[in-house]
Each structure stands twice: as structure tokens, then as C-alpha cells.
Amino acid sequence: QQRTWFGWYGMATPCDDCMGSGAVRPVCPVCTGRGKTETTRYRLSVRLPACTRDGDVLHVPASRGRVAVALDIHVTVLPHARLVHDDADGSVRCELPVDGFGWIANRTVDIPTLRGPQLLKLQRGQVLYRLPGLGFPPRSGGKPADQIVIVVPKFPARLSRKQERLLEQLADSSAQEPGA
């Protein structure tokens, strides 16, 4: 505080407009002096290379269109409901519940792969299948790894009367076979 002939004055504080410099800059027309602008959203389509992995960084060069800035895209791969990627060897694993009676009857089922649904012929007694070349290729290039499919046969907890009769017929017919 300072004392004058007229009494005590308050403390001297810097000017809010010039911050004590004595010079006032013109107000920015874009932000109107706030120092921040509204975020501008852009939509940009980018093709991801096949077998892009979690943690990859993709560089997109500046385009001549609306967005004239280069981008680095950090990839986060969300988990799939059925497919699990093993980064160590590039294989893809899939555990799939299947109808137990269809498994016994050697039926065909659709299984998910990186290249879309694919038909798999079930074989009675076999629960592990190897699909060559349907996994990820090695990072250094080369032949893609395999996809491993594990089927889990599921049988109904309760059988219908018709299913019970058919099961009895099957049991009777196999008991009558020689060597059974």
C-alpha cells in the first residue's frame, strides 16, 4: 500500500488488458480472446491393411482434400466374441459350441474366421481342427499361421419323447451289431 496526501491507497496491480506491459494486443477474431477454439470434427476414411494388430501405428500422409494434415493412427483391436489372436505365433483360436447330435452325425457348421464365415465338416470323436493359413501372417512377411478350432459338443439336458425313442432304437441297433 502507498500513502499519499489524501490517505491510503490500495496495492498496485497489473492491468488485466495489457498484463502490465503497457501494450494491448488486438483480440483474436477466431477465439475472441479466450485462447481456445471449438474443436472441428473431420471424417476421414482410411483403409486398414489386412491383419493389422493391436498396438500398431499407421501413418496416413496429408491429403490434398479437406484435411491437409498427416495423421498417425494408433490401433486398438477390440476383442472378438469367438476369435482369440495369439501374437506369439500368429495363430487364431476359436472355441465353438456345436449341437452334440450334429457332431455325432458328422454335420457341417459355419465357423468364424478372419476372412468371414467358413464351413467346417465335423467328424465324430474329433474336437480339435486345424485350418491351415487362416491365421495372421508373421510380421516379417510369409505364410499365414493356422486357425485352431475347438468344438464343444452340447447335448440337451432333457430329451423329448421322440429323442428318447430314437436313442433307444440307436442303442438297440448297436447292441445287435456283431462285435459290439
Protein backbone atom coordinates (compact mmCIF):
# COMPACT_ATOMS: atom_id res chain seq x y z
CA GLN A 1 0.00 0.00 0.00
CA GLN A 2 1.06 3.55 -0.63
CA ARG A 3 0.40 6.68 1.42
CA THR A 4 -0.47 9.95 -0.31
CA TRP A 5 -1.73 13.38 0.86
CA PHE A 6 -5.25 12.05 0.58
CA GLY A 7 -4.79 8.91 2.67
CA TRP A 8 -4.00 5.27 1.98
CA TYR A 9 -4.32 3.80 -1.49
CA GLY A 10 -4.66 0.10 -2.29
CA MET A 11 -1.91 -2.09 -3.76
CA ALA A 12 -0.82 -1.53 -7.35
CA THR A 13 -1.92 -4.42 -9.59
CA PRO A 14 -1.07 -5.06 -13.24
CA CYS A 15 -3.61 -4.10 -15.86
CA ASP A 16 -5.83 -7.03 -17.00
CA ASP A 17 -5.76 -5.89 -20.63
CA CYS A 18 -2.02 -5.43 -21.10
CA MET A 19 -0.80 -7.55 -18.14
CA GLY A 20 1.40 -4.68 -17.05
CA SER A 21 3.25 -4.35 -20.37
CA GLY A 22 1.62 -1.11 -21.41
CA ALA A 23 0.75 -2.53 -24.86
CA VAL A 24 -2.60 -4.10 -25.76
CA ARG A 25 -2.73 -6.77 -28.44
CA PRO A 26 -5.75 -6.86 -30.73
CA VAL A 27 -8.31 -9.53 -29.78
CA CYS A 28 -8.05 -12.70 -31.87
CA PRO A 29 -11.09 -12.86 -34.19
CA VAL A 30 -11.18 -16.70 -34.10
CA CYS A 31 -11.23 -17.27 -30.34
CA THR A 32 -12.40 -13.74 -29.36
CA GLY A 33 -9.67 -13.53 -26.76
CA ARG A 34 -10.46 -16.80 -24.94
CA GLY A 35 -7.31 -18.54 -26.15
CA LYS A 36 -9.26 -21.65 -27.25
CA THR A 37 -11.39 -22.53 -30.24
CA GLU A 38 -14.16 -25.04 -30.77
CA THR A 39 -12.98 -28.45 -31.89
CA THR A 40 -13.52 -29.06 -35.56
CA ARG A 41 -14.50 -32.62 -36.42
CA TYR A 42 -13.40 -34.23 -39.63
CA ARG A 43 -14.44 -37.53 -41.12
CA LEU A 44 -11.71 -39.40 -42.92
CA SER A 45 -11.89 -42.88 -44.41
CA VAL A 46 -8.73 -44.93 -44.03
CA ARG A 47 -8.19 -48.48 -45.29
CA LEU A 48 -6.57 -50.67 -42.67
CA PRO A 49 -4.13 -53.22 -44.05
CA ALA A 50 -5.15 -56.84 -43.64
CA CYS A 51 -4.07 -58.35 -40.32
CA THR A 52 -3.49 -55.04 -38.55
CA ARG A 53 -2.64 -55.85 -34.94
CA ASP A 54 -3.40 -54.23 -31.61
CA GLY A 55 -0.81 -51.52 -30.86
CA ASP A 56 0.14 -50.91 -34.50
CA VAL A 57 0.65 -47.30 -35.55
CA LEU A 58 -0.45 -46.46 -39.09
CA HIS A 59 0.78 -43.29 -40.78
CA VAL A 60 -1.66 -41.52 -43.10
CA PRO A 61 0.05 -38.85 -45.23
CA ALA A 62 -1.52 -35.43 -45.72
CA SER A 63 -4.17 -35.38 -48.40
CA ARG A 64 -4.99 -32.64 -50.85
CA GLY A 65 -8.65 -32.71 -49.86
CA ARG A 66 -10.28 -31.06 -46.86
CA VAL A 67 -7.75 -32.34 -44.34
CA ALA A 68 -4.23 -31.18 -45.15
CA VAL A 69 -2.53 -32.77 -42.17
CA ALA A 70 -0.73 -36.08 -41.73
CA LEU A 71 -2.15 -38.48 -39.16
CA ASP A 72 -0.71 -41.25 -37.03
CA ILE A 73 -3.46 -43.71 -36.12
CA HIS A 74 -2.89 -45.83 -33.01
CA VAL A 75 -4.78 -49.10 -33.49
CA THR A 76 -6.75 -50.70 -30.67
CA VAL A 77 -8.31 -54.02 -31.62
CA LEU A 78 -11.41 -54.84 -29.61
CA PRO A 79 -11.88 -58.45 -28.53
CA HIS A 80 -13.97 -60.69 -30.77
CA ALA A 81 -16.77 -62.79 -29.32
CA ARG A 82 -15.22 -66.05 -30.59
CA LEU A 83 -11.77 -65.42 -32.11
CA VAL A 84 -8.63 -65.02 -29.99
CA HIS A 85 -5.32 -63.97 -31.56
CA ASP A 86 -2.07 -65.49 -30.26
CA ASP A 87 0.51 -62.81 -31.08
CA ALA A 88 3.42 -65.16 -30.37
CA ASP A 89 2.81 -67.41 -33.39
CA GLY A 90 0.05 -65.51 -35.25
CA SER A 91 -2.48 -68.30 -34.83
CA VAL A 92 -6.14 -67.61 -34.24
CA ARG A 93 -8.08 -69.78 -31.81
CA CYS A 94 -11.81 -70.35 -31.71
CA GLU A 95 -13.86 -72.36 -29.23
CA LEU A 96 -17.29 -73.07 -30.63
CA PRO A 97 -20.27 -74.86 -29.06
CA VAL A 98 -21.96 -77.22 -31.55
CA ASP A 99 -25.04 -79.42 -31.44
CA GLY A 100 -23.89 -82.75 -29.98
CA PHE A 101 -26.18 -84.81 -32.24
CA GLY A 102 -24.96 -82.87 -35.28
CA TRP A 103 -21.38 -83.61 -34.18
CA ILE A 104 -22.16 -87.33 -33.94
CA ALA A 105 -23.88 -87.20 -37.37
CA ASN A 106 -20.81 -85.51 -38.98
CA ARG A 107 -22.78 -82.39 -39.94
CA THR A 108 -21.31 -79.19 -41.37
CA VAL A 109 -21.23 -75.98 -39.31
CA ASP A 110 -20.32 -72.34 -40.01
CA ILE A 111 -17.28 -71.14 -38.11
CA PRO A 112 -15.99 -67.56 -37.86
CA THR A 113 -12.60 -66.82 -39.44
CA LEU A 114 -10.65 -63.64 -40.19
CA ARG A 115 -11.86 -63.95 -43.78
CA GLY A 116 -15.52 -64.41 -42.87
CA PRO A 117 -17.67 -67.46 -42.06
CA GLN A 118 -16.42 -70.77 -43.40
CA LEU A 119 -17.93 -74.26 -43.49
CA LEU A 120 -16.35 -76.99 -41.35
CA LYS A 121 -17.27 -80.67 -41.69
CA LEU A 122 -17.49 -82.10 -38.18
CA GLN A 123 -16.05 -85.53 -37.50
CA ARG A 124 -17.45 -87.70 -34.74
CA GLY A 125 -14.89 -88.07 -31.97
CA GLN A 126 -12.77 -85.11 -33.10
CA VAL A 127 -12.94 -81.83 -31.20
CA LEU A 128 -9.75 -80.09 -32.43
CA TYR A 129 -9.45 -78.87 -36.03
CA ARG A 130 -6.56 -77.03 -37.68
CA LEU A 131 -7.36 -74.72 -40.60
CA PRO A 132 -4.09 -74.00 -42.42
CA GLY A 133 -3.35 -70.42 -43.44
CA LEU A 134 -6.38 -68.79 -41.79
CA GLY A 135 -4.41 -67.02 -39.03
CA PHE A 136 -2.24 -63.89 -39.10
CA PRO A 137 0.86 -63.71 -41.29
CA PRO A 138 4.17 -63.16 -39.46
CA ARG A 139 5.17 -59.50 -39.05
CA SER A 140 8.21 -60.14 -41.22
CA GLY A 141 6.01 -61.48 -44.00
CA GLY A 142 5.45 -65.02 -45.17
CA LYS A 143 2.80 -67.69 -44.93
CA PRO A 144 -0.11 -67.00 -42.52
CA ALA A 145 -0.41 -69.09 -39.38
CA ASP A 146 -3.23 -71.57 -38.80
CA GLN A 147 -6.60 -71.19 -37.13
CA ILE A 148 -7.30 -73.67 -34.36
CA VAL A 149 -10.96 -74.59 -33.85
CA ILE A 150 -12.10 -76.42 -30.74
CA VAL A 151 -15.68 -77.64 -30.92
CA VAL A 152 -17.61 -78.27 -27.73
CA PRO A 153 -20.48 -80.71 -28.38
CA LYS A 154 -23.58 -79.68 -26.42
CA PHE A 155 -26.38 -82.11 -25.72
CA PRO A 156 -29.82 -81.16 -24.39
CA ALA A 157 -30.28 -81.50 -20.62
CA ARG A 158 -33.67 -83.11 -21.22
CA LEU A 159 -34.63 -85.20 -24.24
CA SER A 160 -38.03 -85.11 -25.89
CA ARG A 161 -40.04 -88.34 -26.10
CA LYS A 162 -39.17 -88.64 -29.77
CA GLN A 163 -35.46 -88.18 -29.00
CA GLU A 164 -35.72 -90.81 -26.22
CA ARG A 165 -37.33 -93.32 -28.65
CA LEU A 166 -34.71 -92.65 -31.32
CA LEU A 167 -31.91 -93.01 -28.77
CA GLU A 168 -33.38 -96.35 -27.63
CA GLN A 169 -33.54 -97.52 -31.27
CA LEU A 170 -29.93 -96.49 -31.77
CA ALA A 171 -28.84 -98.29 -28.61
CA ASP A 172 -30.78 -101.43 -29.62
CA SER A 173 -29.31 -101.41 -33.13
CA SER A 174 -25.74 -101.04 -31.89
CA ALA A 175 -26.26 -103.83 -29.32
CA GLN A 176 -27.35 -106.18 -32.12
CA GLU A 177 -24.23 -105.46 -34.20
CA PRO A 178 -21.63 -108.24 -34.12
CA GLY A 179 -18.56 -107.26 -32.07
CA ALA A 180 -20.47 -104.67 -30.08
